[in-house]
PDB file of N, CA and C in Angstrom:
ATOM      1  N   MET A   1     143.011 135.818 190.165  1.00  0.00           N
ATOM      2  CA  MET A   1     143.458 134.511 189.696  1.00  0.00           C
ATOM      3  C   MET A   1     142.971 134.315 188.254  1.00  0.00           C
ATOM      4  N   THR A   2     143.881 133.873 187.399  1.00  0.00           N
ATOM      5  CA  THR A   2     143.515 133.641 186.006  1.00  0.00           C
ATOM      6  C   THR A   2     142.649 132.390 185.883  1.00  0.00           C
ATOM      7  N   THR A   3     142.009 132.267 184.733  1.00  0.00           N
ATOM      8  CA  THR A   3     141.192 131.080 184.467  1.00  0.00           C
ATOM      9  C   THR A   3     142.048 129.821 184.547  1.00  0.00           C
ATOM     10  N   VAL A   4     143.219 129.877 183.923  1.00  0.00           N
ATOM     11  CA  VAL A   4     144.112 128.713 183.941  1.00  0.00           C
ATOM     12  C   VAL A   4     144.464 128.348 185.385  1.00  0.00           C
ATOM     13  N   ALA A   5     144.830 129.341 186.182  1.00  0.00           N
ATOM     14  CA  ALA A   5     145.224 129.075 187.572  1.00  0.00           C
ATOM     15  C   ALA A   5     144.065 128.483 188.370  1.00  0.00           C
ATOM     16  N   ALA A   6     142.880 129.014 188.162  1.00  0.00           N
ATOM     17  CA  ALA A   6     141.711 128.502 188.885  1.00  0.00           C
ATOM     18  C   ALA A   6     141.425 127.054 188.498  1.00  0.00           C
ATOM     19  N   LEU A   7     141.517 126.752 187.211  1.00  0.00           N
ATOM     20  CA  LEU A   7     141.256 125.388 186.756  1.00  0.00           C
ATOM     21  C   LEU A   7     142.361 124.434 187.203  1.00  0.00           C
ATOM     22  N   GLU A   8     143.604 124.901 187.177  1.00  0.00           N
ATOM     23  CA  GLU A   8     144.729 124.074 187.660  1.00  0.00           C
ATOM     24  C   GLU A   8     144.553 123.755 189.144  1.00  0.00           C
ATOM     25  N   LYS A   9     144.011 124.705 189.886  1.00  0.00           N
ATOM     26  CA  LYS A   9     143.768 124.491 191.321  1.00  0.00           C
ATOM     27  C   LYS A   9     142.732 123.376 191.516  1.00  0.00           C
ATOM     28  N   LEU A  10     141.689 123.384 190.695  1.00  0.00           N
ATOM     29  CA  LEU A  10     140.681 122.310 190.769  1.00  0.00           C
ATOM     30  C   LEU A  10     141.310 120.960 190.441  1.00  0.00           C
ATOM     31  N   LEU A  11     142.148 120.941 189.413  1.00  0.00           N
ATOM     32  CA  LEU A  11     142.814 119.702 189.026  1.00  0.00           C
ATOM     33  C   LEU A  11     143.707 119.199 190.157  1.00  0.00           C
ATOM     34  N   ALA A  12     144.452 120.097 190.768  1.00  0.00           N
ATOM     35  CA  ALA A  12     145.334 119.720 191.882  1.00  0.00           C
ATOM     36  C   ALA A  12     144.546 119.194 193.076  1.00  0.00           C
ATOM     37  N   ALA A  13     143.287 119.642 193.195  1.00  0.00           N
ATOM     38  CA  ALA A  13     142.441 119.183 194.300  1.00  0.00           C
ATOM     39  C   ALA A  13     141.805 117.826 194.005  1.00  0.00           C
ATOM     40  N   GLY A  14     142.112 117.259 192.830  1.00  0.00           N
ATOM     41  CA  GLY A  14     141.620 115.926 192.511  1.00  0.00           C
ATOM     42  C   GLY A  14     140.331 115.870 191.728  1.00  0.00           C
ATOM     43  N   HIS A  15     139.925 116.973 191.152  1.00  0.00           N
ATOM     44  CA  HIS A  15     138.670 117.012 190.381  1.00  0.00           C
ATOM     45  C   HIS A  15     138.929 116.762 188.899  1.00  0.00           C
ATOM     46  N   ASP A  16     139.600 115.693 188.579  1.00  0.00           N
ATOM     47  CA  ASP A  16     139.983 115.397 187.200  1.00  0.00           C
ATOM     48  C   ASP A  16     138.822 114.752 186.455  1.00  0.00           C
ATOM     49  N   ASN A  17     138.384 115.398 185.381  1.00  0.00           N
ATOM     50  CA  ASN A  17     137.321 114.854 184.535  1.00  0.00           C
ATOM     51  C   ASN A  17     137.399 115.505 183.160  1.00  0.00           C
ATOM     52  N   ALA A  18     136.586 115.023 182.233  1.00  0.00           N
ATOM     53  CA  ALA A  18     136.628 115.516 180.854  1.00  0.00           C
ATOM     54  C   ALA A  18     136.327 117.007 180.768  1.00  0.00           C
ATOM     55  N   LEU A  19     135.327 117.468 181.481  1.00  0.00           N
ATOM     56  CA  LEU A  19     134.946 118.877 181.392  1.00  0.00           C
ATOM     57  C   LEU A  19     136.067 119.790 181.908  1.00  0.00           C
ATOM     58  N   LEU A  20     136.697 119.411 183.009  1.00  0.00           N
ATOM     59  CA  LEU A  20     137.794 120.213 183.541  1.00  0.00           C
ATOM     60  C   LEU A  20     138.962 120.228 182.558  1.00  0.00           C
ATOM     61  N   ARG A  21     139.288 119.081 182.008  1.00  0.00           N
ATOM     62  CA  ARG A  21     140.394 119.012 181.044  1.00  0.00           C
ATOM     63  C   ARG A  21     140.074 119.821 179.785  1.00  0.00           C
ATOM     64  N   PHE A  22     138.804 119.807 179.356  1.00  0.00           N
ATOM     65  CA  PHE A  22     138.405 120.615 178.206  1.00  0.00           C
ATOM     66  C   PHE A  22     138.610 122.097 178.529  1.00  0.00           C
ATOM     67  N   GLY A  23     138.158 122.518 179.698  1.00  0.00           N
ATOM     68  CA  GLY A  23     138.320 123.905 180.109  1.00  0.00           C
ATOM     69  C   GLY A  23     139.779 124.323 180.173  1.00  0.00           C
ATOM     70  N   LEU A  24     140.618 123.447 180.720  1.00  0.00           N
ATOM     71  CA  LEU A  24     142.053 123.732 180.795  1.00  0.00           C
ATOM     72  C   LEU A  24     142.668 123.816 179.402  1.00  0.00           C
ATOM     73  N   GLY A  25     142.318 122.881 178.548  1.00  0.00           N
ATOM     74  CA  GLY A  25     142.841 122.904 177.181  1.00  0.00           C
ATOM     75  C   GLY A  25     142.430 124.171 176.449  1.00  0.00           C
ATOM     76  N   ASN A  26     141.173 124.540 176.581  1.00  0.00           N
ATOM     77  CA  ASN A  26     140.656 125.738 175.933  1.00  0.00           C
ATOM     78  C   ASN A  26     141.350 126.985 176.484  1.00  0.00           C
ATOM     79  N   ALA A  27     141.516 127.056 177.797  1.00  0.00           N
ATOM     80  CA  ALA A  27     142.160 128.214 178.422  1.00  0.00           C
ATOM     81  C   ALA A  27     143.621 128.336 177.985  1.00  0.00           C
ATOM     82  N   HIS A  28     144.325 127.218 177.934  1.00  0.00           N
ATOM     83  CA  HIS A  28     145.716 127.249 177.487  1.00  0.00           C
ATOM     84  C   HIS A  28     145.810 127.646 176.020  1.00  0.00           C
ATOM     85  N   LEU A  29     144.901 127.143 175.197  1.00  0.00           N
ATOM     86  CA  LEU A  29     144.901 127.507 173.775  1.00  0.00           C
ATOM     87  C   LEU A  29     144.639 129.002 173.625  1.00  0.00           C
ATOM     88  N   ASP A  30     143.676 129.517 174.358  1.00  0.00           N
ATOM     89  CA  ASP A  30     143.386 130.960 174.327  1.00  0.00           C
ATOM     90  C   ASP A  30     144.578 131.788 174.789  1.00  0.00           C
ATOM     91  N   ALA A  31     145.354 131.244 175.713  1.00  0.00           N
ATOM     92  CA  ALA A  31     146.520 131.952 176.240  1.00  0.00           C
ATOM     93  C   ALA A  31     147.752 131.801 175.339  1.00  0.00           C
ATOM     94  N   GLY A  32     147.614 131.045 174.251  1.00  0.00           N
ATOM     95  CA  GLY A  32     148.718 130.870 173.321  1.00  0.00           C
ATOM     96  C   GLY A  32     149.666 129.744 173.663  1.00  0.00           C
ATOM     97  N   ASP A  33     149.282 128.876 174.577  1.00  0.00           N
ATOM     98  CA  ASP A  33     150.125 127.746 174.980  1.00  0.00           C
ATOM     99  C   ASP A  33     149.547 126.448 174.408  1.00  0.00           C
ATOM    100  N   ALA A  34     149.782 126.255 173.103  1.00  0.00           N
ATOM    101  CA  ALA A  34     149.217 125.101 172.419  1.00  0.00           C
ATOM    102  C   ALA A  34     149.762 123.781 172.952  1.00  0.00           C
ATOM    103  N   ALA A  35     151.019 123.759 173.351  1.00  0.00           N
ATOM    104  CA  ALA A  35     151.613 122.514 173.859  1.00  0.00           C
ATOM    105  C   ALA A  35     150.904 122.055 175.127  1.00  0.00           C
ATOM    106  N   GLN A  36     150.635 122.971 176.036  1.00  0.00           N
ATOM    107  CA  GLN A  36     149.932 122.601 177.265  1.00  0.00           C
ATOM    108  C   GLN A  36     148.472 122.271 176.960  1.00  0.00           C
ATOM    109  N   ALA A  37     147.893 122.945 175.968  1.00  0.00           N
ATOM    110  CA  ALA A  37     146.521 122.641 175.563  1.00  0.00           C
ATOM    111  C   ALA A  37     146.417 121.199 175.083  1.00  0.00           C
ATOM    112  N   VAL A  38     147.405 120.756 174.316  1.00  0.00           N
ATOM    113  CA  VAL A  38     147.407 119.372 173.815  1.00  0.00           C
ATOM    114  C   VAL A  38     147.370 118.384 174.975  1.00  0.00           C
ATOM    115  N   VAL A  39     148.165 118.636 176.002  1.00  0.00           N
ATOM    116  CA  VAL A  39     148.222 117.731 177.160  1.00  0.00           C
ATOM    117  C   VAL A  39     146.824 117.547 177.754  1.00  0.00           C
ATOM    118  N   HIS A  40     146.135 118.642 177.992  1.00  0.00           N
ATOM    119  CA  HIS A  40     144.832 118.572 178.651  1.00  0.00           C
ATOM    120  C   HIS A  40     143.739 118.056 177.710  1.00  0.00           C
ATOM    121  N   LEU A  41     143.780 118.462 176.458  1.00  0.00           N
ATOM    122  CA  LEU A  41     142.748 118.002 175.518  1.00  0.00           C
ATOM    123  C   LEU A  41     142.908 116.518 175.204  1.00  0.00           C
ATOM    124  N   GLN A  42     144.134 116.041 175.151  1.00  0.00           N
ATOM    125  CA  GLN A  42     144.357 114.611 174.940  1.00  0.00           C
ATOM    126  C   GLN A  42     143.776 113.818 176.100  1.00  0.00           C
ATOM    127  N   ARG A  43     143.992 114.311 177.296  1.00  0.00           N
ATOM    128  CA  ARG A  43     143.424 113.639 178.485  1.00  0.00           C
ATOM    129  C   ARG A  43     141.900 113.692 178.446  1.00  0.00           C
ATOM    130  N   CYS A  44     141.364 114.806 177.975  1.00  0.00           N
ATOM    131  CA  CYS A  44     139.910 114.960 177.875  1.00  0.00           C
ATOM    132  C   CYS A  44     139.307 113.886 176.971  1.00  0.00           C
ATOM    133  N   VAL A  45     139.891 113.686 175.785  1.00  0.00           N
ATOM    134  CA  VAL A  45     139.322 112.695 174.870  1.00  0.00           C
ATOM    135  C   VAL A  45     139.597 111.265 175.332  1.00  0.00           C
ATOM    136  N   GLU A  46     140.576 111.092 176.217  1.00  0.00           N
ATOM    137  CA  GLU A  46     140.759 109.777 176.837  1.00  0.00           C
ATOM    138  C   GLU A  46     139.610 109.509 177.809  1.00  0.00           C
ATOM    139  N   PHE A  47     139.210 110.541 178.545  1.00  0.00           N
ATOM    140  CA  PHE A  47     138.053 110.415 179.430  1.00  0.00           C
ATOM    141  C   PHE A  47     136.781 110.158 178.629  1.00  0.00           C
ATOM    142  N   ASP A  48     136.603 110.911 177.538  1.00  0.00           N
ATOM    143  CA  ASP A  48     135.367 110.853 176.760  1.00  0.00           C
ATOM    144  C   ASP A  48     135.681 110.925 175.269  1.00  0.00           C
ATOM    145  N   PRO A  49     135.875 109.764 174.616  1.00  0.00           N
ATOM    146  CA  PRO A  49     136.210 109.746 173.189  1.00  0.00           C
ATOM    147  C   PRO A  49     135.109 110.318 172.285  1.00  0.00           C
ATOM    148  N   GLY A  50     133.926 110.518 172.822  1.00  0.00           N
ATOM    149  CA  GLY A  50     132.832 111.074 172.037  1.00  0.00           C
ATOM    150  C   GLY A  50     132.708 112.584 172.140  1.00  0.00           C
ATOM    151  N   TYR A  51     133.631 113.244 172.802  1.00  0.00           N
ATOM    152  CA  TYR A  51     133.587 114.684 173.059  1.00  0.00           C
ATOM    153  C   TYR A  51     134.104 115.416 171.812  1.00  0.00           C
ATOM    154  N   SER A  52     133.211 115.658 170.856  1.00  0.00           N
ATOM    155  CA  SER A  52     133.618 116.207 169.563  1.00  0.00           C
ATOM    156  C   SER A  52     134.254 117.589 169.684  1.00  0.00           C
ATOM    157  N   ALA A  53     133.776 118.428 170.591  1.00  0.00           N
ATOM    158  CA  ALA A  53     134.365 119.761 170.756  1.00  0.00           C
ATOM    159  C   ALA A  53     135.814 119.659 171.222  1.00  0.00           C
ATOM    160  N   ALA A  54     136.119 118.655 172.032  1.00  0.00           N
ATOM    161  CA  ALA A  54     137.498 118.459 172.497  1.00  0.00           C
ATOM    162  C   ALA A  54     138.394 118.019 171.340  1.00  0.00           C
ATOM    163  N   TRP A  55     137.885 117.147 170.494  1.00  0.00           N
ATOM    164  CA  TRP A  55     138.656 116.733 169.319  1.00  0.00           C
ATOM    165  C   TRP A  55     138.947 117.931 168.422  1.00  0.00           C
ATOM    166  N   LYS A  56     137.951 118.797 168.275  1.00  0.00           N
ATOM    167  CA  LYS A  56     138.117 119.983 167.434  1.00  0.00           C
ATOM    168  C   LYS A  56     139.248 120.860 167.991  1.00  0.00           C
ATOM    169  N   LEU A  57     139.227 121.135 169.292  1.00  0.00           N
ATOM    170  CA  LEU A  57     140.274 121.960 169.890  1.00  0.00           C
ATOM    171  C   LEU A  57     141.628 121.249 169.889  1.00  0.00           C
ATOM    172  N   LEU A  58     141.615 119.945 170.081  1.00  0.00           N
ATOM    173  CA  LEU A  58     142.867 119.188 170.046  1.00  0.00           C
ATOM    174  C   LEU A  58     143.515 119.332 168.671  1.00  0.00           C
ATOM    175  N   GLY A  59     142.718 119.234 167.633  1.00  0.00           N
ATOM    176  CA  GLY A  59     143.241 119.443 166.279  1.00  0.00           C
ATOM    177  C   GLY A  59     143.789 120.844 166.100  1.00  0.00           C
ATOM    178  N   LYS A  60     143.078 121.842 166.620  1.00  0.00           N
ATOM    179  CA  LYS A  60     143.556 123.231 166.529  1.00  0.00           C
ATOM    180  C   LYS A  60     144.886 123.399 167.265  1.00  0.00           C
ATOM    181  N   ALA A  61     145.008 122.792 168.424  1.00  0.00           N
ATOM    182  CA  ALA A  61     146.251 122.898 169.193  1.00  0.00           C
ATOM    183  C   ALA A  61     147.412 122.264 168.431  1.00  0.00           C
ATOM    184  N   HIS A  62     147.178 121.082 167.853  1.00  0.00           N
ATOM    185  CA  HIS A  62     148.232 120.433 167.067  1.00  0.00           C
ATOM    186  C   HIS A  62     148.592 121.289 165.853  1.00  0.00           C
ATOM    187  N   ALA A  63     147.587 121.861 165.202  1.00  0.00           N
ATOM    188  CA  ALA A  63     147.843 122.721 164.042  1.00  0.00           C
ATOM    189  C   ALA A  63     148.669 123.936 164.453  1.00  0.00           C
ATOM    190  N   ALA A  64     148.373 124.507 165.601  1.00  0.00           N
ATOM    191  CA  ALA A  64     149.124 125.663 166.094  1.00  0.00           C
ATOM    192  C   ALA A  64     150.591 125.310 166.340  1.00  0.00           C
ATOM    193  N   LEU A  65     150.842 124.038 166.639  1.00  0.00           N
ATOM    194  CA  LEU A  65     152.214 123.577 166.854  1.00  0.00           C
ATOM    195  C   LEU A  65     152.898 123.148 165.559  1.00  0.00           C
ATOM    196  N   GLY A  66     152.166 123.240 164.444  1.00  0.00           N
ATOM    197  CA  GLY A  66     152.726 122.862 163.151  1.00  0.00           C
ATOM    198  C   GLY A  66     152.662 121.381 162.863  1.00  0.00           C
ATOM    199  N   ALA A  67     151.881 120.646 163.628  1.00  0.00           N
ATOM    200  CA  ALA A  67     151.755 119.190 163.461  1.00  0.00           C
ATOM    201  C   ALA A  67     150.494 118.882 162.650  1.00  0.00           C
ATOM    202  N   ALA A  68     150.581 119.127 161.342  1.00  0.00           N
ATOM    203  CA  ALA A  68     149.406 119.014 160.470  1.00  0.00           C
ATOM    204  C   ALA A  68     148.805 117.610 160.466  1.00  0.00           C
ATOM    205  N   GLU A  69     149.632 116.590 160.419  1.00  0.00           N
ATOM    206  CA  GLU A  69     149.089 115.225 160.342  1.00  0.00           C
ATOM    207  C   GLU A  69     148.448 114.799 161.657  1.00  0.00           C
ATOM    208  N   THR A  70     148.988 115.252 162.759  1.00  0.00           N
ATOM    209  CA  THR A  70     148.382 114.952 164.050  1.00  0.00           C
ATOM    210  C   THR A  70     147.068 115.708 164.193  1.00  0.00           C
ATOM    211  N   ALA A  71     147.040 116.937 163.685  1.00  0.00           N
ATOM    212  CA  ALA A  71     145.793 117.713 163.674  1.00  0.00           C
ATOM    213  C   ALA A  71     144.756 116.994 162.826  1.00  0.00           C
ATOM    214  N   ARG A  72     145.180 116.517 161.663  1.00  0.00           N
ATOM    215  CA  ARG A  72     144.267 115.791 160.765  1.00  0.00           C
ATOM    216  C   ARG A  72     143.668 114.583 161.478  1.00  0.00           C
ATOM    217  N   SER A  73     144.500 113.833 162.167  1.00  0.00           N
ATOM    218  CA  SER A  73     144.032 112.648 162.880  1.00  0.00           C
ATOM    219  C   SER A  73     142.997 113.017 163.943  1.00  0.00           C
ATOM    220  N   ALA A  74     143.274 114.075 164.697  1.00  0.00           N
ATOM    221  CA  ALA A  74     142.337 114.513 165.739  1.00  0.00           C
ATOM    222  C   ALA A  74     141.009 114.929 165.107  1.00  0.00           C
ATOM    223  N   TRP A  75     141.069 115.703 164.029  1.00  0.00           N
ATOM    224  CA  TRP A  75     139.829 116.160 163.392  1.00  0.00           C
ATOM    225  C   TRP A  75     139.053 115.005 162.764  1.00  0.00           C
ATOM    226  N   GLN A  76     139.752 114.004 162.227  1.00  0.00           N
ATOM    227  CA  GLN A  76     139.045 112.852 161.676  1.00  0.00           C
ATOM    228  C   GLN A  76     138.342 112.061 162.783  1.00  0.00           C
ATOM    229  N   GLN A  77     139.020 111.901 163.918  1.00  0.00           N
ATOM    230  CA  GLN A  77     138.376 111.229 165.045  1.00  0.00           C
ATOM    231  C   GLN A  77     137.210 112.062 165.573  1.00  0.00           C
ATOM    232  N   GLY A  78     137.391 113.377 165.557  1.00  0.00           N
ATOM    233  CA  GLY A  78     136.326 114.280 165.969  1.00  0.00           C
ATOM    234  C   GLY A  78     135.126 114.223 165.049  1.00  0.00           C
ATOM    235  N   LEU A  79     135.385 114.107 163.757  1.00  0.00           N
ATOM    236  CA  LEU A  79     134.284 113.955 162.796  1.00  0.00           C
ATOM    237  C   LEU A  79     133.483 112.701 163.093  1.00  0.00           C
ATOM    238  N   ASP A  80     134.180 111.616 163.352  1.00  0.00           N
ATOM    239  CA  ASP A  80     133.494 110.362 163.688  1.00  0.00           C
ATOM    240  C   ASP A  80     132.647 110.537 164.946  1.00  0.00           C
ATOM    241  N   ALA A  81     133.214 111.174 165.968  1.00  0.00           N
ATOM    242  CA  ALA A  81     132.477 111.399 167.219  1.00  0.00           C
ATOM    243  C   ALA A  81     131.270 112.296 166.977  1.00  0.00           C
ATOM    244  N   ALA A  82     131.453 113.352 166.192  1.00  0.00           N
ATOM    245  CA  ALA A  82     130.360 114.287 165.911  1.00  0.00           C
ATOM    246  C   ALA A  82     129.235 113.580 165.163  1.00  0.00           C
ATOM    247  N   ARG A  83     129.594 112.746 164.204  1.00  0.00           N
ATOM    248  CA  ARG A  83     128.567 112.013 163.442  1.00  0.00           C
ATOM    249  C   ARG A  83     127.800 111.044 164.332  1.00  0.00           C
ATOM    250  N   ARG A  84     128.510 110.370 165.222  1.00  0.00           N
ATOM    251  CA  ARG A  84     127.851 109.419 166.126  1.00  0.00           C
ATOM    252  C   ARG A  84     126.880 110.117 167.069  1.00  0.00           C
ATOM    253  N   HIS A  85     127.198 111.364 167.433  1.00  0.00           N
ATOM    254  CA  HIS A  85     126.369 112.087 168.406  1.00  0.00           C
ATOM    255  C   HIS A  85     125.459 113.129 167.764  1.00  0.00           C
ATOM    256  N   GLY A  86     125.458 113.200 166.432  1.00  0.00           N
ATOM    257  CA  GLY A  86     124.590 114.150 165.738  1.00  0.00           C
ATOM    258  C   GLY A  86     124.981 115.597 165.949  1.00  0.00           C
ATOM    259  N   ASP A  87     126.254 115.851 166.220  1.00  0.00           N
ATOM    260  CA  ASP A  87     126.745 117.207 166.444  1.00  0.00           C
ATOM    261  C   ASP A  87     127.113 117.827 165.097  1.00  0.00           C
ATOM    262  N   LYS A  88     126.112 118.345 164.416  1.00  0.00           N
ATOM    263  CA  LYS A  88     126.280 118.848 163.050  1.00  0.00           C
ATOM    264  C   LYS A  88     127.242 120.030 162.966  1.00  0.00           C
ATOM    265  N   GLN A  89     127.179 120.955 163.923  1.00  0.00           N
ATOM    266  CA  GLN A  89     128.054 122.137 163.869  1.00  0.00           C
ATOM    267  C   GLN A  89     129.523 121.743 163.976  1.00  0.00           C
ATOM    268  N   ALA A  90     129.858 120.900 164.924  1.00  0.00           N
ATOM    269  CA  ALA A  90     131.244 120.448 165.075  1.00  0.00           C
ATOM    270  C   ALA A  90     131.684 119.681 163.829  1.00  0.00           C
ATOM    271  N   GLU A  91     130.773 118.893 163.284  1.00  0.00           N
ATOM    272  CA  GLU A  91     131.074 118.130 162.073  1.00  0.00           C
ATOM    273  C   GLU A  91     131.430 119.084 160.924  1.00  0.00           C
ATOM    274  N   LYS A  92     130.636 120.126 160.745  1.00  0.00           N
ATOM    275  CA  LYS A  92     130.900 121.102 159.672  1.00  0.00           C
ATOM    276  C   LYS A  92     132.234 121.806 159.884  1.00  0.00           C
ATOM    277  N   GLU A  93     132.489 122.238 161.109  1.00  0.00           N
ATOM    278  CA  GLU A  93     133.722 122.966 161.389  1.00  0.00           C
ATOM    279  C   GLU A  93     134.952 122.106 161.126  1.00  0.00           C
ATOM    280  N   MET A  94     134.928 120.863 161.590  1.00  0.00           N
ATOM    281  CA  MET A  94     136.094 120.006 161.389  1.00  0.00           C
ATOM    282  C   MET A  94     136.276 119.635 159.926  1.00  0.00           C
ATOM    283  N   ALA A  95     135.191 119.500 159.189  1.00  0.00           N
ATOM    284  CA  ALA A  95     135.290 119.243 157.757  1.00  0.00           C
ATOM    285  C   ALA A  95     135.983 120.416 157.061  1.00  0.00           C
ATOM    286  N   VAL A  96     135.659 121.635 157.479  1.00  0.00           N
ATOM    287  CA  VAL A  96     136.322 122.819 156.917  1.00  0.00           C
ATOM    288  C   VAL A  96     137.813 122.810 157.255  1.00  0.00           C
ATOM    289  N   PHE A  97     138.150 122.505 158.505  1.00  0.00           N
ATOM    290  CA  PHE A  97     139.563 122.463 158.904  1.00  0.00           C
ATOM    291  C   PHE A  97     140.328 121.433 158.074  1.00  0.00           C
ATOM    292  N   LEU A  98     139.715 120.278 157.854  1.00  0.00           N
ATOM    293  CA  LEU A  98     140.371 119.233 157.053  1.00  0.00           C
ATOM    294  C   LEU A  98     140.554 119.675 155.612  1.00  0.00           C
ATOM    295  N   ARG A  99     139.561 120.346 155.034  1.00  0.00           N
ATOM    296  CA  ARG A  99     139.698 120.850 153.660  1.00  0.00           C
ATOM    297  C   ARG A  99     140.838 121.868 153.571  1.00  0.00           C
ATOM    298  N   LYS A 100     140.964 122.714 154.580  1.00  0.00           N
ATOM    299  CA  LYS A 100     142.041 123.708 154.586  1.00  0.00           C
ATOM    300  C   LYS A 100     143.412 123.019 154.624  1.00  0.00           C
ATOM    301  N   LEU A 101     143.506 121.920 155.356  1.00  0.00           N
ATOM    302  CA  LEU A 101     144.777 121.182 155.390  1.00  0.00           C
ATOM    303  C   LEU A 101     145.117 120.613 154.021  1.00  0.00           C
ATOM    304  N   ASP A 102     144.091 120.242 153.255  1.00  0.00           N
ATOM    305  CA  ASP A 102     144.310 119.613 151.954  1.00  0.00           C
ATOM    306  C   ASP A 102     144.583 120.610 150.831  1.00  0.00           C
ATOM    307  N   LYS A 103     144.367 121.913 151.094  1.00  0.00           N
ATOM    308  CA  LYS A 103     144.614 122.919 150.055  1.00  0.00           C
ATOM    309  C   LYS A 103     146.113 122.995 149.789  1.00  0.00           C
ATOM    310  N   PRO A 104     146.454 123.075 148.495  1.00  0.00           N
ATOM    311  CA  PRO A 104     147.885 123.226 148.181  1.00  0.00           C
ATOM    312  C   PRO A 104     148.392 124.584 148.680  1.00  0.00           C
ATOM    313  N   ARG A 105     149.576 124.563 149.228  1.00  0.00           N
ATOM    314  CA  ARG A 105     150.205 125.780 149.743  1.00  0.00           C
ATOM    315  C   ARG A 105     150.937 126.496 148.593  1.00  0.00           C
ATOM    316  N   PRO A 106     150.834 127.832 148.557  1.00  0.00           N
ATOM    317  CA  PRO A 106     151.587 128.558 147.529  1.00  0.00           C
ATOM    318  C   PRO A 106     153.105 128.377 147.754  1.00  0.00           C
ATOM    319  N   ALA A 107     153.824 128.310 146.662  1.00  0.00           N
ATOM    320  CA  ALA A 107     155.281 128.106 146.761  1.00  0.00           C
ATOM    321  C   ALA A 107     156.024 129.376 147.071  1.00  0.00           C
TER     322      ALA A 107
END
């Protein structure tokens, strides 16, 4: 059984929470399914708006789908969450992602 299948089985059994949704989002992103990752990561941050790692992955999933402004919004919310919780590593990573979005693209 794949990681995604095992986690989906837990979700189907009614074990819905932020950690499970984070795991599902991460597994889907790793499997190349950014659209499904967005679904689970969005639910994760609804459960726990302070979950900076989830915001970081949510931004990555949106970026993978080509939704730069939605990714920017997720990373900005993630930065706020990281600052509130003293999560310096997540704060640094999301700041880098935001700077990359702001770089001019070659023509």
